[in-house]
Protein backbone atom coordinates (compact mmCIF):
# COMPACT_ATOMS: atom_id res chain seq x y z
CA MET A 1 44.62 12.36 84.47
CA TYR A 2 43.08 13.28 87.92
CA GLU A 3 44.54 16.33 89.29
CA ILE A 4 43.98 17.87 93.01
CA LYS A 5 44.85 21.51 92.03
CA SER A 6 45.40 22.11 95.86
CA THR A 7 48.51 20.15 95.66
CA GLN A 8 50.12 23.21 94.29
CA VAL A 9 49.45 25.26 97.61
CA LEU A 10 50.39 22.07 99.82
CA LYS A 11 53.97 22.49 98.03
CA LYS A 12 54.39 25.86 99.06
CA ILE A 13 53.23 25.53 102.35
CA MET A 14 55.11 22.73 103.25
CA ARG A 15 58.29 24.43 101.88
CA ASP A 16 57.63 27.30 103.95
CA TYR A 17 57.12 25.21 107.30
CA PHE A 18 60.44 23.34 106.56
CA THR A 19 62.66 26.51 105.58
CA GLY A 20 60.80 28.30 108.54
CA LEU A 21 62.79 25.90 110.84
CA GLU A 22 66.07 27.49 109.60
CA GLN A 23 65.47 30.90 110.60
CA PRO A 24 67.50 32.69 112.84
CA GLY A 25 66.36 32.91 116.41
CA LYS A 26 63.76 30.20 116.30
CA LYS A 27 63.14 28.08 119.16
CA ILE A 28 62.81 24.33 117.90
CA ALA A 29 61.12 21.53 119.52
CA TRP A 30 61.22 17.68 118.25
CA CYS A 31 57.95 15.72 118.93
CA THR A 32 56.16 12.70 117.87
CA SER A 33 53.38 13.05 115.24
CA VAL A 34 50.91 11.95 117.61
CA GLY A 35 52.22 13.79 120.66
CA PRO A 36 51.63 17.21 122.43
CA ALA A 37 52.46 19.38 119.35
CA GLU A 38 49.84 21.94 120.64
CA LEU A 39 51.44 22.23 124.35
CA LEU A 40 54.88 22.82 122.62
CA ARG A 41 53.52 25.88 120.12
CA SER A 42 52.11 27.53 122.98
CA PHE A 43 55.45 28.09 124.30
CA GLY A 44 56.28 29.75 120.90
CA PHE A 45 58.40 26.45 119.45
CA ASP A 46 58.67 25.79 116.07
CA VAL A 47 57.97 21.97 116.01
CA TYR A 48 59.47 19.46 114.14
CA PHE A 49 58.62 15.92 113.59
CA PRO A 50 61.09 13.25 113.19
CA GLU A 51 58.56 10.72 111.80
CA ASN A 52 57.75 13.00 109.01
CA HIS A 53 61.42 12.97 108.12
CA GLY A 54 61.20 9.04 108.60
CA ALA A 55 58.57 9.32 106.10
CA LEU A 56 60.44 11.60 103.55
CA LEU A 57 63.49 8.90 103.59
CA GLY A 58 60.94 6.29 102.61
CA ALA A 59 59.22 8.24 99.96
CA THR A 60 62.25 9.27 98.45
CA ARG A 61 64.01 5.74 98.38
CA THR A 62 66.94 7.00 100.13
CA ALA A 63 66.03 5.17 103.53
CA MET A 64 67.90 2.15 102.10
CA ASP A 65 71.20 3.80 101.96
CA PHE A 66 71.11 4.76 105.61
CA ILE A 67 69.65 1.77 107.16
CA PRO A 68 72.50 -0.46 107.45
CA GLU A 69 74.39 2.83 109.32
CA SER A 70 72.19 2.48 112.28
CA ALA A 71 73.38 -1.41 112.59
CA LYS A 72 76.91 0.06 113.65
CA TYR A 73 75.30 2.27 116.73
CA GLY A 74 73.74 -1.24 117.77
CA TYR A 75 70.27 -1.11 116.03
CA SER A 76 68.74 -3.95 114.78
CA ASN A 77 67.23 -3.86 111.33
CA HIS A 78 63.86 -5.71 112.75
CA VAL A 79 63.19 -2.16 114.79
CA CYS A 80 61.07 0.59 112.98
CA SER A 81 62.72 1.42 109.89
CA TYR A 82 61.91 5.09 110.43
CA THR A 83 63.96 4.96 113.39
CA THR A 84 67.07 3.25 111.61
CA ALA A 85 66.69 5.18 108.32
CA ASP A 86 66.44 8.57 110.42
CA ILE A 87 69.56 7.70 112.83
CA GLY A 88 71.58 6.30 109.50
CA ALA A 89 70.99 9.45 107.85
CA PHE A 90 72.11 11.74 110.44
CA VAL A 91 75.35 9.59 110.86
CA LYS A 92 75.82 10.15 107.32
CA GLY A 93 75.02 13.79 107.42
CA GLU A 94 72.21 13.45 104.71
CA SER A 95 68.72 14.35 104.38
CA PRO A 96 66.13 14.82 101.55
CA LEU A 97 65.61 18.21 103.14
CA LYS A 98 68.93 19.51 101.62
CA LYS A 99 67.57 18.65 97.96
CA GLN A 100 64.08 19.47 98.30
CA TYR A 101 64.18 22.83 100.28
CA GLY A 102 67.81 23.72 100.16
CA MET A 103 68.11 23.23 103.93
CA GLN A 104 71.48 22.37 105.74
CA GLY A 105 69.80 19.26 107.25
CA ILE A 106 67.70 18.49 110.00
CA PRO A 107 67.00 21.49 112.85
CA LYS A 108 69.03 21.30 115.64
CA PRO A 109 66.40 21.01 118.83
CA ASP A 110 66.32 23.09 122.15
CA LEU A 111 63.90 20.37 123.54
CA ILE A 112 62.84 16.98 122.54
CA VAL A 113 59.25 15.70 123.59
CA TYR A 114 58.10 11.97 122.68
CA ASN A 115 54.64 10.47 123.69
CA THR A 116 54.74 6.46 123.51
CA ASN A 117 50.83 6.11 122.63
CA GLN A 118 52.08 4.96 119.23
CA CYS A 119 55.34 2.70 120.40
CA ARG A 120 58.26 2.52 122.57
CA GLU A 121 60.41 2.97 119.84
CA VAL A 122 59.96 6.29 119.82
CA GLN A 123 61.52 6.86 123.19
CA ASP A 124 64.73 4.69 122.17
CA TRP A 125 64.84 6.81 118.78
CA PHE A 126 64.50 10.35 120.40
CA SER A 127 66.65 9.57 123.20
CA PHE A 128 69.15 8.85 120.70
CA PHE A 129 69.33 12.38 119.51
CA ALA A 130 68.97 14.00 122.82
CA LYS A 131 72.10 12.46 123.57
CA GLU A 132 73.65 13.54 120.23
CA PHE A 133 72.50 17.07 120.47
CA ASN A 134 73.04 17.40 124.43
CA CYS A 135 69.64 18.58 124.57
CA PRO A 136 66.78 18.24 127.42
CA ILE A 137 64.42 15.57 126.79
CA ALA A 138 60.88 14.63 127.97
CA GLY A 139 58.32 11.81 127.57
CA ILE A 140 54.49 10.89 128.00
CA HIS A 141 53.99 7.34 128.85
CA PRO A 142 50.12 6.90 128.54
CA PRO A 143 48.56 3.54 128.86
CA ARG A 144 48.67 1.12 126.13
CA HIS A 145 46.07 -0.69 124.40
CA VAL A 146 43.08 0.59 126.10
CA ASP A 147 39.27 -0.40 125.45
CA GLU A 148 37.67 2.57 126.53
CA VAL A 149 39.63 5.89 128.12
CA SER A 150 38.44 6.16 131.38
CA LYS A 151 38.60 9.48 133.76
CA LYS A 152 41.60 7.59 135.65
CA GLU A 153 43.40 7.16 132.55
CA ILE A 154 42.86 10.97 131.66
CA ASP A 155 44.24 12.00 134.91
CA LEU A 156 47.30 9.98 134.67
CA VAL A 157 48.18 11.39 131.33
CA VAL A 158 47.09 15.10 132.32
CA HIS A 159 49.52 14.75 135.05
CA GLN A 160 52.19 14.05 132.62
CA PHE A 161 51.55 16.76 130.40
CA LYS A 162 51.82 19.03 133.20
CA SER A 163 55.01 17.62 134.44
CA ILE A 164 56.73 18.49 131.13
CA ILE A 165 55.66 22.28 131.36
CA PRO A 166 59.16 23.17 133.26
CA ALA A 167 61.15 21.64 130.82
CA CYS A 168 58.97 24.00 128.17
CA GLU A 169 59.39 26.96 130.23
CA SER A 170 63.37 26.29 130.43
CA ALA A 171 63.98 25.62 126.93
CA SER A 172 61.80 28.69 125.48
CA GLY A 173 62.44 30.99 128.22
CA LYS A 174 58.72 31.76 128.27
CA LYS A 175 56.14 31.12 130.99
CA PHE A 176 53.33 28.73 130.60
CA ASP A 177 50.18 30.83 129.35
CA ILE A 178 46.89 28.80 129.47
CA ASP A 179 45.51 31.48 127.31
CA SER A 180 48.11 30.56 124.53
CA PHE A 181 47.57 27.02 124.90
CA ARG A 182 43.81 27.09 124.66
CA GLU A 183 44.24 29.14 121.41
CA THR A 184 46.29 26.38 119.85
CA ILE A 185 44.07 23.80 120.79
CA ARG A 186 41.16 25.60 119.25
CA LEU A 187 43.25 26.08 115.92
CA SER A 188 44.01 22.47 116.16
CA LYS A 189 40.46 21.23 116.69
CA GLU A 190 39.37 23.32 113.81
CA ALA A 191 41.91 22.17 111.35
CA THR A 192 41.46 18.08 112.46
CA LEU A 193 37.92 18.62 112.18
CA LEU A 194 38.11 20.10 108.43
CA TRP A 195 40.72 17.32 107.61
CA GLN A 196 37.97 14.54 109.12
CA GLN A 197 35.43 16.24 106.40
CA VAL A 198 38.31 16.04 103.79
CA LEU A 199 38.45 12.27 104.26
CA LYS A 200 34.89 11.71 104.35
CA THR A 201 34.63 13.36 100.69
CA SER A 202 35.57 9.86 99.81
CA ILE A 203 32.29 8.35 101.03
CA ALA A 204 30.83 9.34 97.83
CA SER A 205 31.26 7.51 94.59
CA PRO A 206 33.37 8.18 92.59
CA ALA A 207 35.80 9.01 95.52
CA PRO A 208 37.44 12.42 95.03
CA LEU A 209 40.29 11.12 97.98
CA SER A 210 42.32 8.23 97.66
CA PHE A 211 44.36 6.94 100.43
CA PHE A 212 47.50 7.51 98.48
CA ASP A 213 46.47 11.05 97.85
CA GLY A 214 45.65 11.46 101.62
CA ILE A 215 48.92 10.29 103.08
CA ILE A 216 50.34 13.50 100.69
CA HIS A 217 47.65 16.03 101.82
CA MET A 218 47.97 14.85 105.53
CA GLY A 219 51.12 16.72 105.91
CA PRO A 220 49.86 20.20 107.40
CA ILE A 221 47.75 18.17 109.90
CA VAL A 222 50.94 16.21 110.96
CA VAL A 223 53.35 18.96 111.24
CA MET A 224 51.10 22.34 111.04
CA ARG A 225 48.63 21.43 114.00
CA GLY A 226 47.46 24.48 116.30
CA THR A 227 48.35 27.03 113.21
CA GLN A 228 46.24 28.93 111.08
CA GLN A 229 48.06 27.80 108.06
CA ALA A 230 46.67 24.45 108.28
CA LYS A 231 43.19 25.18 108.92
CA ASP A 232 43.41 27.78 105.83
CA TYR A 233 44.72 24.83 103.63
CA TYR A 234 41.87 22.24 104.58
CA SER A 235 39.46 24.78 103.90
CA LYS A 236 40.71 25.28 100.73
CA LEU A 237 41.13 21.57 99.55
CA LEU A 238 37.75 20.39 100.90
CA GLU A 239 36.02 23.19 99.03
CA GLU A 240 37.96 21.60 95.66
CA LEU A 241 36.74 18.33 96.89
CA ASN A 242 33.27 19.14 97.25
CA GLU A 243 33.12 20.53 93.55
CA ASN A 244 34.61 17.28 92.24
CA ILE A 245 31.80 15.54 94.12
CA LYS A 246 29.48 17.88 92.67
CA ASN A 247 30.92 17.41 89.11
CA LYS A 248 31.08 13.46 89.85
CA VAL A 249 34.88 13.62 89.46
CA GLY A 250 36.95 11.04 90.87
CA VAL A 251 40.29 9.43 91.50
CA VAL A 252 39.18 6.54 89.75
CA LYS A 253 36.95 7.37 86.76
CA ASN A 254 35.16 4.03 86.29
CA GLU A 255 35.22 3.19 89.98
CA GLN A 256 34.20 -0.89 90.35
CA CYS A 257 35.55 -1.63 93.76
CA ARG A 258 36.24 0.29 96.89
CA VAL A 259 38.97 -0.93 99.48
CA PHE A 260 40.10 -0.06 102.91
CA TRP A 261 43.67 0.26 103.66
CA GLU A 262 44.70 -0.96 107.12
CA GLY A 263 47.97 -0.06 108.46
CA MET A 264 51.39 2.05 107.23
CA PRO A 265 51.98 3.07 103.90
CA ILE A 266 54.72 1.67 101.96
CA TRP A 267 56.42 4.72 101.15
CA GLY A 268 58.90 3.83 98.45
CA LYS A 269 55.98 2.13 96.51
CA ILE A 270 53.43 4.89 96.63
CA ARG A 271 53.02 5.59 92.90
CA MET A 272 53.11 1.94 91.93
CA LEU A 273 50.41 0.76 94.31
CA SER A 274 48.22 3.98 93.26
CA ASP A 275 48.79 3.36 89.83
CA LEU A 276 48.26 -0.62 90.15
CA PHE A 277 44.53 0.05 91.98
CA ALA A 278 43.61 2.68 89.72
CA GLU A 279 44.28 0.30 86.69
CA ASN A 280 42.12 -2.31 88.39
CA ASN A 281 39.11 0.22 88.58
CA THR A 282 39.61 0.34 92.40
CA SER A 283 39.54 3.19 94.62
CA VAL A 284 41.32 2.95 98.32
CA VAL A 285 38.86 5.14 99.85
CA ALA A 286 39.83 5.11 103.61
CA SER A 287 42.57 4.49 106.27
CA THR A 288 43.27 3.99 109.68
CA TYR A 289 46.48 5.70 109.03
CA CYS A 290 45.19 9.11 107.57
CA SER A 291 42.20 8.96 110.24
CA SER A 292 45.15 8.86 112.89
CA TRP A 293 45.07 12.60 112.95
CA VAL A 294 41.58 13.07 113.73
CA PHE A 295 41.02 14.82 116.91
CA ASP A 296 37.45 15.48 117.31
CA GLU A 297 38.01 15.47 121.63
CA PHE A 298 40.10 18.65 121.51
CA ASP A 299 38.16 21.13 123.64
CA GLU A 300 39.74 24.66 124.46
CA LYS A 301 37.75 24.90 127.66
CA GLU A 302 39.57 21.88 128.90
CA PRO A 303 42.74 21.64 127.02
CA PHE A 304 44.69 19.49 129.03
CA GLU A 305 41.88 16.84 129.66
CA SER A 306 41.27 17.35 126.17
CA SER A 307 44.42 16.33 124.70
CA ALA A 308 45.16 13.50 126.99
CA LEU A 309 41.92 12.02 125.69
CA ALA A 310 42.45 12.95 122.12
CA TYR A 311 46.10 11.26 122.22
CA THR A 312 45.33 8.44 124.20
CA LYS A 313 42.11 7.18 122.39
CA ILE A 314 43.67 6.80 118.86
CA PHE A 315 43.72 3.72 117.00
CA ILE A 316 47.25 2.13 117.67
CA ASN A 317 46.80 2.72 120.97
CA ARG A 318 43.41 0.60 121.60
CA SER A 319 42.45 -2.75 122.28
CA GLU A 320 41.27 -5.16 119.82
CA LYS A 321 37.92 -4.90 120.70
CA ALA A 322 37.90 -1.25 120.28
CA LYS A 323 39.78 -1.40 117.06
CA MET A 324 37.32 -4.09 115.68
CA LYS A 325 34.34 -1.79 116.41
CA MET A 326 36.13 1.44 114.79
CA LEU A 327 37.27 -1.04 111.66
CA LYS A 328 33.34 -2.15 111.15
CA SER A 329 32.10 1.48 111.13
CA TRP A 330 34.53 2.51 108.84
CA LEU A 331 33.91 -0.10 106.22
CA GLU A 332 30.20 0.61 106.48
CA GLU A 333 30.57 4.16 106.38
CA TYR A 334 32.94 4.12 103.19
CA LYS A 335 30.49 1.30 101.59
CA CYS A 336 34.07 -0.70 101.15
CA ASP A 337 33.94 -4.23 99.43
CA GLY A 338 37.29 -5.24 100.68
CA ILE A 339 40.30 -4.11 103.24
CA VAL A 340 43.77 -4.81 102.76
CA PHE A 341 46.17 -5.27 105.90
CA HIS A 342 49.80 -4.25 105.31
CA ASP A 343 51.73 -6.43 107.80
CA THR A 344 54.43 -3.80 108.60
CA LYS A 345 57.80 -5.86 109.40
CA THR A 346 59.61 -3.05 111.45
CA CYS A 347 56.24 -1.80 112.72
CA PHE A 348 54.92 -4.19 115.16
CA ASN A 349 52.67 -2.05 116.98
CA ASN A 350 50.83 -0.78 113.93
CA SER A 351 50.47 -4.18 112.16
CA ASN A 352 47.13 -5.84 113.23
CA ALA A 353 47.54 -8.99 110.82
CA LYS A 354 49.41 -11.08 112.72
CA PHE A 355 46.87 -12.47 115.64
CA GLY A 356 44.08 -13.26 113.55
CA MET A 357 42.26 -9.96 113.26
CA PRO A 358 41.54 -9.88 109.58
CA LEU A 359 39.85 -13.46 109.78
CA ARG A 360 37.76 -12.43 112.95
CA LEU A 361 36.86 -9.23 111.43
CA LYS A 362 35.54 -11.33 108.11
CA GLN A 363 33.70 -13.49 109.86
CA GLU A 364 31.81 -10.70 111.80
CA THR A 365 31.36 -8.34 108.53
CA GLY A 366 31.39 -10.84 105.64
CA ILE A 367 33.89 -8.26 104.15
CA PRO A 368 36.81 -9.98 102.55
CA TYR A 369 40.56 -9.25 103.16
CA LEU A 370 44.09 -9.48 101.83
CA ILE A 371 47.54 -9.26 103.74
CA ILE A 372 50.44 -7.50 101.90
CA GLU A 373 53.73 -7.86 103.48
CA GLY A 374 56.09 -5.20 103.45
CA ASP A 375 57.33 -1.98 105.40
CA LEU A 376 57.56 1.60 106.00
CA CYS A 377 60.82 2.23 104.38
CA ASP A 378 62.63 -0.78 104.28
CA LEU A 379 61.60 -2.48 100.67
CA ARG A 380 63.68 -5.66 101.19
CA PHE A 381 60.55 -6.90 102.96
CA PHE A 382 58.44 -5.91 99.97
CA SER A 383 58.15 -8.15 96.77
CA GLU A 384 56.76 -6.14 94.07
CA GLY A 385 55.98 -8.96 91.90
CA GLN A 386 53.90 -10.89 94.36
CA SER A 387 52.06 -8.09 95.89
CA ILE A 388 50.71 -7.15 92.18
CA THR A 389 49.76 -10.68 91.83
CA LYS A 390 48.12 -10.88 95.03
CA ILE A 391 46.35 -7.50 94.69
CA GLU A 392 44.84 -8.25 91.28
CA THR A 393 43.61 -11.53 92.31
CA PHE A 394 42.00 -9.89 95.44
CA ILE A 395 40.22 -7.46 93.39
CA GLU A 396 38.93 -10.04 90.89
CA GLN A 397 37.61 -12.18 93.94
CA ILE A 398 35.67 -9.03 95.06
CA GLU A 399 34.07 -8.34 91.81
CA ARG A 400 32.71 -11.72 91.95
CA ALA A 401 31.49 -11.41 95.26
CA PRO A 402 28.03 -9.41 96.53
CA ARG A 403 28.31 -5.89 96.78
CA HIS A 404 28.86 -3.12 99.56
CA LEU A 405 28.33 -4.73 102.84
CA SER A 406 25.40 -6.85 101.63
CA SER A 407 26.64 -9.81 103.39
CA MET A 408 27.40 -8.13 106.88
CA LYS A 409 25.93 -9.75 109.52
CA GLU A 410 23.42 -8.17 111.59
């Protein structure tokens, strides 16, 4: 049984992070997962991420208990199930943080900040809580679906970054300190580059890290960016994974097939899917999702400009032309034999299977694809039996096809 020993360290630092949010005297800022966490940390805020809480609700399979509650407040079951599950849990006064970490629940915010680079839903979601907590809220609204990010677009986002500084000063009781901001950017970049190296260990065969491992070990790069703890953790994890490569130890012992996962995780079925692929000698070696927290553009010399660039050029915020280019590069880099598109029913913004992209990608690369219907948290959209049949059939088809991009068009 393959085991990543660093997981024990991960459990401790995640526990310390969450329980630290309840320490007396702390100023708490809520933030979107791909948002300006570094700027908030520079003011001394501890940062809480509601999307991470949404993922916990999905992974613990408690989301289905809460999603219907949000409908009483007018939220459709067809919008982001992170949103509906999180609001529903709040309404019922429940949270997996209580059972897992002994917390009273989600921390009360002193400031809420969001970035719509992923979707507009975060604005509606976070605004609900701003009203409930009578808390100040500030938003960043970058250009969406961009091809290449221009200086004009960067300047616009920089202006928006700077415009939230007064709200940060008021809520934290501290004046903006450019050196503190530079330091958090430096730490965040060092951690994100280590995270990138962690992901790239799966270029090796057998891969020492799967997508299903990655979505667990990405915890620190999501909730602790800009801290020494995140940097230290990924240094340790990278060392272990490189040792596994050296010893030819991988997630799937008899790796016969390598696939890419495009889209969101199906949080309530992670173990089932992980076991299914492994039983079929298939490694899910890379994903768009885990790569969403690689910000190699960060530069402490230009903290505002580099932050604006990094947070605007993420995969989900790009045009199809840019996405196709990125996907083709990843498929080749990770030597993938196939790609699975997760058509996430309540996450329209992060689903790329609806308008023909899978077929166009196959036509340009020769790489076969599979579309799985499901959702982040709402398991009513996921058919386990049907998905098992589709995945096993897909793997069988790949095994009869040319190997590792040999059919990719020039």
